Amino acid sequence: MLLQDDSSNNNINFKGGLAMNAVTLKEKKNISYKSCFDVIGPVMIGPSSSHTAGALAIGLVANKLFKGLPKRVVVKYYESFAETHKGHGTDFAIISGILGFATDDSRVPDAIKIAESQGIDITFLEESGDSPVGHPNTADIYLEDDSRSIRTVGISVGGGLIKVKHIEIDGFSLNPQGSLPIMIAISSRNNLELELRRIFKKYEVDINNSTNLEKDGKYLYQFDLDSQLSGEARKELENLSDIANIIIL
């Protein structure tokens, strides 16, 4: 389903009258690359690295946050994404990410049909205003089922690279610096940060920024990391899954 939202307050009303307000962060519209391969982008079924590969990566963030298939998907597009999403394959790319498909998966072009065949209700909204995070390739994704929901706002900066500018999960709302990797842990333990930092230090992973939040007896620990995690580091973090919801973006 494709709708156009011309409202001035940039709100979407979801199930039960829940209003999801747009993020108020502003970011300079600049693009940084670490190598020539960032410009070339990944192997991808689709016409555009920024509108297809990047869009799939944003959808994959939503997939990792939700950890399962939702019953409903709402995608808000801004600026360039809003103008070109149909022709550039952004729609099926985002849904591919939500389904957990890789960029070179042959099912990518059919992702919308596959999702709908699994009972997932999908709505695409074209926003007429400026991006709430100051970037022309902005997608705001909301997933829900009968018991939970997540929301993430991501931008595609070129070459298949993305930044995550906003996350809502388990009643928490946070604004990462943006660049991946990002690690999130949600737990009832208020001392988990020490163990997480020990693991990062052990595997020589620098932390660019961190956020700690507490709500209703739950604690969220979010780390913007300087480099990708090794397989050993990921395994050690995932071994904490019995005491925390570990999410590695």
C-alpha atoms as a PDB file:
ATOM      1  CA  MET A   1       0.000   0.000   0.000  1.00  0.00           C
ATOM      2  CA  LEU A   2       1.324   3.459  -0.908  1.00  0.00           C
ATOM      3  CA  LEU A   3       0.034   6.560   0.819  1.00  0.00           C
ATOM      4  CA  GLN A   4       1.118  10.186   0.745  1.00  0.00           C
ATOM      5  CA  ASP A   5       1.314  11.992   4.073  1.00  0.00           C
ATOM      6  CA  ASP A   6       1.121  15.779   3.704  1.00  0.00           C
ATOM      7  CA  SER A   7       0.644  16.502   7.389  1.00  0.00           C
ATOM      8  CA  SER A   8       2.743  19.316   8.779  1.00  0.00           C
ATOM      9  CA  ASN A   9       3.529  17.670  12.114  1.00  0.00           C
ATOM     10  CA  ASN A  10       5.123  14.548  10.593  1.00  0.00           C
ATOM     11  CA  ASN A  11       3.200  12.158  12.865  1.00  0.00           C
ATOM     12  CA  ILE A  12       1.919   8.696  11.977  1.00  0.00           C
ATOM     13  CA  ASN A  13      -0.941   7.199  13.939  1.00  0.00           C
ATOM     14  CA  PHE A  14      -0.484   3.495  14.442  1.00  0.00           C
ATOM     15  CA  LYS A  15      -2.575   0.809  16.074  1.00  0.00           C
ATOM     16  CA  GLY A  16      -4.373   1.885  19.210  1.00  0.00           C
ATOM     17  CA  GLY A  17      -3.959   5.576  18.444  1.00  0.00           C
ATOM     18  CA  LEU A  18      -0.226   5.513  19.135  1.00  0.00           C
ATOM     19  CA  ALA A  19       1.463   8.549  17.610  1.00  0.00           C
ATOM     20  CA  MET A  20       5.100   8.188  16.598  1.00  0.00           C
ATOM     21  CA  ASN A  21       6.684  11.645  16.511  1.00  0.00           C
ATOM     22  CA  ALA A  22       9.431  12.427  14.048  1.00  0.00           C
ATOM     23  CA  VAL A  23      12.957  12.723  15.379  1.00  0.00           C
ATOM     24  CA  THR A  24      14.173  16.271  15.873  1.00  0.00           C
ATOM     25  CA  LEU A  25      17.875  15.603  15.365  1.00  0.00           C
ATOM     26  CA  LYS A  26      19.615  17.483  12.554  1.00  0.00           C
ATOM     27  CA  GLU A  27      22.682  16.238  10.697  1.00  0.00           C
ATOM     28  CA  LYS A  28      24.849  17.940   8.092  1.00  0.00           C
ATOM     29  CA  LYS A  29      24.342  16.437   4.652  1.00  0.00           C
ATOM     30  CA  ASN A  30      27.878  15.144   4.204  1.00  0.00           C
ATOM     31  CA  ILE A  31      29.130  11.748   3.089  1.00  0.00           C
ATOM     32  CA  SER A  32      32.323  10.087   4.261  1.00  0.00           C
ATOM     33  CA  TYR A  33      33.926   7.010   2.780  1.00  0.00           C
ATOM     34  CA  LYS A  34      36.683   4.840   4.238  1.00  0.00           C
ATOM     35  CA  SER A  35      37.794   3.278   0.944  1.00  0.00           C
ATOM     36  CA  CYS A  36      37.021   3.121  -2.767  1.00  0.00           C
ATOM     37  CA  PHE A  37      34.983  -0.021  -2.102  1.00  0.00           C
ATOM     38  CA  ASP A  38      32.524   2.059  -0.064  1.00  0.00           C
ATOM     39  CA  VAL A  39      31.778   4.037  -3.235  1.00  0.00           C
ATOM     40  CA  ILE A  40      31.435   0.915  -5.380  1.00  0.00           C
ATOM     41  CA  GLY A  41      29.082  -0.674  -2.866  1.00  0.00           C
ATOM     42  CA  PRO A  42      28.191  -4.330  -2.222  1.00  0.00           C
ATOM     43  CA  VAL A  43      26.998  -6.937  -4.713  1.00  0.00           C
ATOM     44  CA  MET A  44      23.315  -6.120  -4.971  1.00  0.00           C
ATOM     45  CA  ILE A  45      20.215  -7.048  -6.944  1.00  0.00           C
ATOM     46  CA  GLY A  46      18.879  -3.590  -7.779  1.00  0.00           C
ATOM     47  CA  PRO A  47      19.653  -0.398  -9.694  1.00  0.00           C
ATOM     48  CA  SER A  48      21.176   1.837  -6.994  1.00  0.00           C
ATOM     49  CA  SER A  49      23.634   1.383  -4.135  1.00  0.00           C
ATOM     50  CA  SER A  50      22.132   4.213  -2.074  1.00  0.00           C
ATOM     51  CA  HIS A  51      18.459   3.576  -2.862  1.00  0.00           C
ATOM     52  CA  THR A  52      18.620  -0.228  -2.963  1.00  0.00           C
ATOM     53  CA  ALA A  53      21.640  -1.622  -1.099  1.00  0.00           C
ATOM     54  CA  GLY A  54      21.466   1.111   1.539  1.00  0.00           C
ATOM     55  CA  ALA A  55      17.713   0.671   1.863  1.00  0.00           C
ATOM     56  CA  LEU A  56      18.136  -3.068   2.396  1.00  0.00           C
ATOM     57  CA  ALA A  57      20.703  -2.359   5.122  1.00  0.00           C
ATOM     58  CA  ILE A  58      18.222  -0.068   6.905  1.00  0.00           C
ATOM     59  CA  GLY A  59      15.590  -2.794   6.703  1.00  0.00           C
ATOM     60  CA  LEU A  60      18.083  -5.276   8.123  1.00  0.00           C
ATOM     61  CA  VAL A  61      18.579  -3.016  11.146  1.00  0.00           C
ATOM     62  CA  ALA A  62      14.832  -3.214  11.759  1.00  0.00           C
ATOM     63  CA  ASN A  63      15.026  -7.010  11.389  1.00  0.00           C
ATOM     64  CA  LYS A  64      17.781  -7.273  14.005  1.00  0.00           C
ATOM     65  CA  LEU A  65      15.924  -5.021  16.423  1.00  0.00           C
ATOM     66  CA  PHE A  66      12.635  -6.881  16.072  1.00  0.00           C
ATOM     67  CA  LYS A  67      14.114 -10.419  15.971  1.00  0.00           C
ATOM     68  CA  GLY A  68      11.316 -12.090  14.078  1.00  0.00           C
ATOM     69  CA  LEU A  69       8.645 -11.378  11.514  1.00  0.00           C
ATOM     70  CA  PRO A  70       6.202  -8.543  12.284  1.00  0.00           C
ATOM     71  CA  LYS A  71       2.526  -8.463  11.466  1.00  0.00           C
ATOM     72  CA  ARG A  72       2.645  -4.866  10.299  1.00  0.00           C
ATOM     73  CA  VAL A  73       5.239  -2.676   8.596  1.00  0.00           C
ATOM     74  CA  VAL A  74       4.985   1.090   8.078  1.00  0.00           C
ATOM     75  CA  VAL A  75       7.749   2.829   6.113  1.00  0.00           C
ATOM     76  CA  LYS A  76       7.954   6.624   5.866  1.00  0.00           C
ATOM     77  CA  TYR A  77      10.122   8.069   3.101  1.00  0.00           C
ATOM     78  CA  TYR A  78      11.615  11.560   2.981  1.00  0.00           C
ATOM     79  CA  GLU A  79      13.025  13.743   0.196  1.00  0.00           C
ATOM     80  CA  SER A  80      14.908  11.685  -2.448  1.00  0.00           C
ATOM     81  CA  PHE A  81      13.597   8.394  -1.072  1.00  0.00           C
ATOM     82  CA  ALA A  82      10.042   9.745  -1.233  1.00  0.00           C
ATOM     83  CA  GLU A  83      10.497  10.865  -4.834  1.00  0.00           C
ATOM     84  CA  THR A  84      12.225   7.826  -6.303  1.00  0.00           C
ATOM     85  CA  HIS A  85      11.540   4.816  -4.072  1.00  0.00           C
ATOM     86  CA  LYS A  86       9.334   2.999  -6.579  1.00  0.00           C
ATOM     87  CA  GLY A  87      11.636   3.323  -9.572  1.00  0.00           C
ATOM     88  CA  HIS A  88      14.839   2.583  -7.663  1.00  0.00           C
ATOM     89  CA  GLY A  89      13.652  -0.551  -5.899  1.00  0.00           C
ATOM     90  CA  THR A  90      13.714   0.984  -2.427  1.00  0.00           C
ATOM     91  CA  ASP A  91      10.416  -0.660  -1.463  1.00  0.00           C
ATOM     92  CA  PHE A  92      11.436  -4.244  -2.114  1.00  0.00           C
ATOM     93  CA  ALA A  93      14.928  -3.559  -0.750  1.00  0.00           C
ATOM     94  CA  ILE A  94      13.655  -2.386   2.652  1.00  0.00           C
ATOM     95  CA  ILE A  95      11.240  -5.311   2.899  1.00  0.00           C
ATOM     96  CA  SER A  96      14.089  -7.670   1.931  1.00  0.00           C
ATOM     97  CA  GLY A  97      16.085  -6.364   4.880  1.00  0.00           C
ATOM     98  CA  ILE A  98      13.123  -6.753   7.209  1.00  0.00           C
ATOM     99  CA  LEU A  99      12.850 -10.380   6.045  1.00  0.00           C
ATOM    100  CA  GLY A 100      16.582 -10.867   6.672  1.00  0.00           C
ATOM    101  CA  PHE A 101      17.628 -11.344   3.027  1.00  0.00           C
ATOM    102  CA  ALA A 102      21.224 -10.703   1.922  1.00  0.00           C
ATOM    103  CA  THR A 103      21.911  -8.112  -0.771  1.00  0.00           C
ATOM    104  CA  ASP A 104      22.592 -10.768  -3.418  1.00  0.00           C
ATOM    105  CA  ASP A 105      19.624 -12.988  -2.527  1.00  0.00           C
ATOM    106  CA  SER A 106      17.632 -13.866  -5.655  1.00  0.00           C
ATOM    107  CA  ARG A 107      14.400 -13.334  -3.687  1.00  0.00           C
ATOM    108  CA  VAL A 108      15.063  -9.599  -3.185  1.00  0.00           C
ATOM    109  CA  PRO A 109      12.888  -8.348  -6.107  1.00  0.00           C
ATOM    110  CA  ASP A 110       9.962 -10.469  -4.843  1.00  0.00           C
ATOM    111  CA  ALA A 111      10.314  -9.507  -1.176  1.00  0.00           C
ATOM    112  CA  ILE A 112       7.019  -7.591  -0.969  1.00  0.00           C
ATOM    113  CA  LYS A 113       5.028 -10.493  -2.400  1.00  0.00           C
ATOM    114  CA  ILE A 114       6.843 -12.914  -0.087  1.00  0.00           C
ATOM    115  CA  ALA A 115       6.115 -10.760   2.965  1.00  0.00           C
ATOM    116  CA  GLU A 116       2.452 -10.336   2.071  1.00  0.00           C
ATOM    117  CA  SER A 117       2.118 -14.095   1.488  1.00  0.00           C
ATOM    118  CA  GLN A 118       3.248 -14.508   5.109  1.00  0.00           C
ATOM    119  CA  GLY A 119       0.456 -12.240   6.323  1.00  0.00           C
ATOM    120  CA  ILE A 120       2.519  -9.069   6.804  1.00  0.00           C
ATOM    121  CA  ASP A 121       0.601  -5.844   6.209  1.00  0.00           C
ATOM    122  CA  ILE A 122       2.827  -3.246   4.508  1.00  0.00           C
ATOM    123  CA  THR A 123       2.280   0.502   4.129  1.00  0.00           C
ATOM    124  CA  PHE A 124       4.606   2.968   2.392  1.00  0.00           C
ATOM    125  CA  LEU A 125       4.198   6.681   3.145  1.00  0.00           C
ATOM    126  CA  GLU A 126       5.705   9.503   1.089  1.00  0.00           C
ATOM    127  CA  GLU A 127       6.427  12.460   3.358  1.00  0.00           C
ATOM    128  CA  SER A 128       6.242  15.902   1.753  1.00  0.00           C
ATOM    129  CA  GLY A 129       8.461  17.736   4.252  1.00  0.00           C
ATOM    130  CA  ASP A 130      12.182  17.772   4.926  1.00  0.00           C
ATOM    131  CA  SER A 131      13.898  14.786   6.468  1.00  0.00           C
ATOM    132  CA  PRO A 132      13.721  14.987  10.283  1.00  0.00           C
ATOM    133  CA  VAL A 133      17.405  14.004  10.411  1.00  0.00           C
ATOM    134  CA  GLY A 134      18.629  16.302   7.649  1.00  0.00           C
ATOM    135  CA  HIS A 135      19.432  13.769   4.920  1.00  0.00           C
ATOM    136  CA  PRO A 136      17.652  13.217   1.572  1.00  0.00           C
ATOM    137  CA  ASN A 137      17.762   9.407   1.749  1.00  0.00           C
ATOM    138  CA  THR A 138      15.809   8.882   4.971  1.00  0.00           C
ATOM    139  CA  ALA A 139      13.593   5.934   5.876  1.00  0.00           C
ATOM    140  CA  ASP A 140      11.566   5.716   9.092  1.00  0.00           C
ATOM    141  CA  ILE A 141      10.543   2.104   9.737  1.00  0.00           C
ATOM    142  CA  TYR A 142       7.989   0.863  12.261  1.00  0.00           C
ATOM    143  CA  LEU A 143       7.361  -2.857  12.934  1.00  0.00           C
ATOM    144  CA  GLU A 144       4.779  -4.402  15.217  1.00  0.00           C
ATOM    145  CA  ASP A 145       3.000  -7.599  16.131  1.00  0.00           C
ATOM    146  CA  ASP A 146       0.379  -8.262  18.789  1.00  0.00           C
ATOM    147  CA  SER A 147       2.735  -7.729  21.723  1.00  0.00           C
ATOM    148  CA  ARG A 148       5.654  -5.499  20.741  1.00  0.00           C
ATOM    149  CA  SER A 149       6.952  -2.876  18.357  1.00  0.00           C
ATOM    150  CA  ILE A 150      10.188  -1.231  17.269  1.00  0.00           C
ATOM    151  CA  ARG A 151      11.005   1.872  15.281  1.00  0.00           C
ATOM    152  CA  THR A 152      14.208   2.942  13.579  1.00  0.00           C
ATOM    153  CA  VAL A 153      15.203   5.916  11.431  1.00  0.00           C
ATOM    154  CA  GLY A 154      18.076   5.301   9.040  1.00  0.00           C
ATOM    155  CA  ILE A 155      19.820   7.194   6.262  1.00  0.00           C
ATOM    156  CA  SER A 156      21.599   5.819   3.198  1.00  0.00           C
ATOM    157  CA  VAL A 157      24.830   7.766   2.695  1.00  0.00           C
ATOM    158  CA  GLY A 158      26.078   6.085  -0.506  1.00  0.00           C
ATOM    159  CA  GLY A 159      27.932   2.957  -1.513  1.00  0.00           C
ATOM    160  CA  GLY A 160      25.497   0.787   0.415  1.00  0.00           C
ATOM    161  CA  LEU A 161      26.531   2.435   3.705  1.00  0.00           C
ATOM    162  CA  ILE A 162      23.980   3.647   6.237  1.00  0.00           C
ATOM    163  CA  LYS A 163      23.708   5.490   9.522  1.00  0.00           C
ATOM    164  CA  VAL A 164      21.127   4.750  12.200  1.00  0.00           C
ATOM    165  CA  LYS A 165      19.846   7.997  13.684  1.00  0.00           C
ATOM    166  CA  HIS A 166      17.034   6.869  15.978  1.00  0.00           C
ATOM    167  CA  ILE A 167      15.818   3.683  17.677  1.00  0.00           C
ATOM    168  CA  GLU A 168      12.740   2.910  19.781  1.00  0.00           C
ATOM    169  CA  ILE A 169      12.666  -0.496  21.477  1.00  0.00           C
ATOM    170  CA  ASP A 170      11.200  -1.951  24.681  1.00  0.00           C
ATOM    171  CA  GLY A 171      10.019   1.478  25.815  1.00  0.00           C
ATOM    172  CA  PHE A 172      13.441   3.074  25.296  1.00  0.00           C
ATOM    173  CA  SER A 173      14.229   5.853  22.832  1.00  0.00           C
ATOM    174  CA  LEU A 174      17.815   6.524  21.794  1.00  0.00           C
ATOM    175  CA  ASN A 175      19.783   8.469  19.184  1.00  0.00           C
ATOM    176  CA  PRO A 176      23.051   6.754  18.223  1.00  0.00           C
ATOM    177  CA  GLN A 177      25.838   8.676  16.515  1.00  0.00           C
ATOM    178  CA  GLY A 178      24.817   6.767  13.431  1.00  0.00           C
ATOM    179  CA  SER A 179      27.672   4.778  11.935  1.00  0.00           C
ATOM    180  CA  LEU A 180      27.701   1.014  12.319  1.00  0.00           C
ATOM    181  CA  PRO A 181      28.526  -1.118  14.187  1.00  0.00           C
ATOM    182  CA  ILE A 182      26.214  -0.371  17.085  1.00  0.00           C
ATOM    183  CA  MET A 183      25.755  -2.767  19.990  1.00  0.00           C
ATOM    184  CA  ILE A 184      22.704  -2.721  22.270  1.00  0.00           C
ATOM    185  CA  ALA A 185      22.031  -4.781  25.394  1.00  0.00           C
ATOM    186  CA  ILE A 186      18.764  -4.698  27.342  1.00  0.00           C
ATOM    187  CA  SER A 187      18.753  -6.392  30.735  1.00  0.00           C
ATOM    188  CA  SER A 188      17.342  -6.339  34.239  1.00  0.00           C
ATOM    189  CA  ARG A 189      20.919  -6.181  35.557  1.00  0.00           C
ATOM    190  CA  ASN A 190      22.248  -2.754  36.442  1.00  0.00           C
ATOM    191  CA  ASN A 191      25.893  -3.849  36.395  1.00  0.00           C
ATOM    192  CA  LEU A 192      26.058  -5.369  32.908  1.00  0.00           C
ATOM    193  CA  GLU A 193      28.008  -2.420  31.520  1.00  0.00           C
ATOM    194  CA  LEU A 194      31.186  -3.567  33.268  1.00  0.00           C
ATOM    195  CA  GLU A 195      31.043  -6.977  31.592  1.00  0.00           C
ATOM    196  CA  LEU A 196      30.347  -5.437  28.180  1.00  0.00           C
ATOM    197  CA  ARG A 197      33.265  -3.042  28.482  1.00  0.00           C
ATOM    198  CA  ARG A 198      35.516  -5.917  29.574  1.00  0.00           C
ATOM    199  CA  ILE A 199      34.674  -7.790  26.372  1.00  0.00           C
ATOM    200  CA  PHE A 200      35.309  -4.744  24.185  1.00  0.00           C
ATOM    201  CA  LYS A 201      38.666  -4.172  25.873  1.00  0.00           C
ATOM    202  CA  LYS A 202      39.636  -7.838  25.555  1.00  0.00           C
ATOM    203  CA  TYR A 203      39.113  -7.737  21.789  1.00  0.00           C
ATOM    204  CA  GLU A 204      40.556  -4.223  21.387  1.00  0.00           C
ATOM    205  CA  VAL A 205      37.304  -2.662  20.205  1.00  0.00           C
ATOM    206  CA  ASP A 206      37.225   1.081  20.816  1.00  0.00           C
ATOM    207  CA  ILE A 207      34.008   2.766  21.945  1.00  0.00           C
ATOM    208  CA  ASN A 208      33.161   6.036  20.195  1.00  0.00           C
ATOM    209  CA  ASN A 209      30.143   6.790  22.340  1.00  0.00           C
ATOM    210  CA  SER A 210      27.906   5.059  24.872  1.00  0.00           C
ATOM    211  CA  THR A 211      24.459   5.570  26.362  1.00  0.00           C
ATOM    212  CA  ASN A 212      22.893   4.053  29.482  1.00  0.00           C
ATOM    213  CA  LEU A 213      19.140   4.237  30.066  1.00  0.00           C
ATOM    214  CA  GLU A 214      16.896   2.894  32.837  1.00  0.00           C
ATOM    215  CA  LYS A 215      13.127   2.435  32.791  1.00  0.00           C
ATOM    216  CA  ASP A 216      10.788   0.322  34.928  1.00  0.00           C
ATOM    217  CA  GLY A 217      13.569  -1.873  36.271  1.00  0.00           C
ATOM    218  CA  LYS A 218      15.153  -2.496  32.862  1.00  0.00           C
ATOM    219  CA  TYR A 219      18.497  -1.169  31.686  1.00  0.00           C
ATOM    220  CA  LEU A 220      19.601  -0.396  28.143  1.00  0.00           C
ATOM    221  CA  TYR A 221      23.288  -0.150  27.249  1.00  0.00           C
ATOM    222  CA  GLN A 222      24.152   1.200  23.801  1.00  0.00           C
ATOM    223  CA  PHE A 223      27.651   1.445  22.338  1.00  0.00           C
ATOM    224  CA  ASP A 224      28.773   3.105  19.092  1.00  0.00           C
ATOM    225  CA  LEU A 225      31.835   1.055  18.158  1.00  0.00           C
ATOM    226  CA  ASP A 226      34.881   2.092  16.154  1.00  0.00           C
ATOM    227  CA  SER A 227      35.341  -1.190  14.290  1.00  0.00           C
ATOM    228  CA  GLN A 228      33.551  -4.392  13.378  1.00  0.00           C
ATOM    229  CA  LEU A 229      33.407  -7.124  15.988  1.00  0.00           C
ATOM    230  CA  SER A 230      35.385 -10.299  15.416  1.00  0.00           C
ATOM    231  CA  GLY A 231      33.635 -13.646  15.437  1.00  0.00           C
ATOM    232  CA  GLU A 232      35.085 -14.376  18.861  1.00  0.00           C
ATOM    233  CA  ALA A 233      33.839 -11.073  20.278  1.00  0.00           C
ATOM    234  CA  ARG A 234      30.368 -11.630  18.846  1.00  0.00           C
ATOM    235  CA  LYS A 235      30.239 -15.121  20.334  1.00  0.00           C
ATOM    236  CA  GLU A 236      31.231 -13.869  23.780  1.00  0.00           C
ATOM    237  CA  LEU A 237      28.611 -11.131  23.654  1.00  0.00           C
ATOM    238  CA  GLU A 238      25.940 -13.549  22.451  1.00  0.00           C
ATOM    239  CA  ASN A 239      26.807 -15.849  25.370  1.00  0.00           C
ATOM    240  CA  LEU A 240      25.187 -13.169  27.547  1.00  0.00           C
ATOM    241  CA  SER A 241      21.815 -13.764  25.888  1.00  0.00           C
ATOM    242  CA  ASP A 242      20.512 -15.610  28.943  1.00  0.00           C
ATOM    243  CA  ILE A 243      20.691 -12.369  30.946  1.00  0.00           C
ATOM    244  CA  ALA A 244      20.255  -9.741  28.231  1.00  0.00           C
ATOM    245  CA  ASN A 245      18.739  -9.055  24.835  1.00  0.00           C
ATOM    246  CA  ILE A 246      21.932  -8.628  22.798  1.00  0.00           C
ATOM    247  CA  ILE A 247      21.601  -6.749  19.489  1.00  0.00           C
ATOM    248  CA  ILE A 248      24.546  -6.159  17.169  1.00  0.00           C
ATOM    249  CA  LEU A 249      23.824  -3.821  14.266  1.00  0.00           C
END
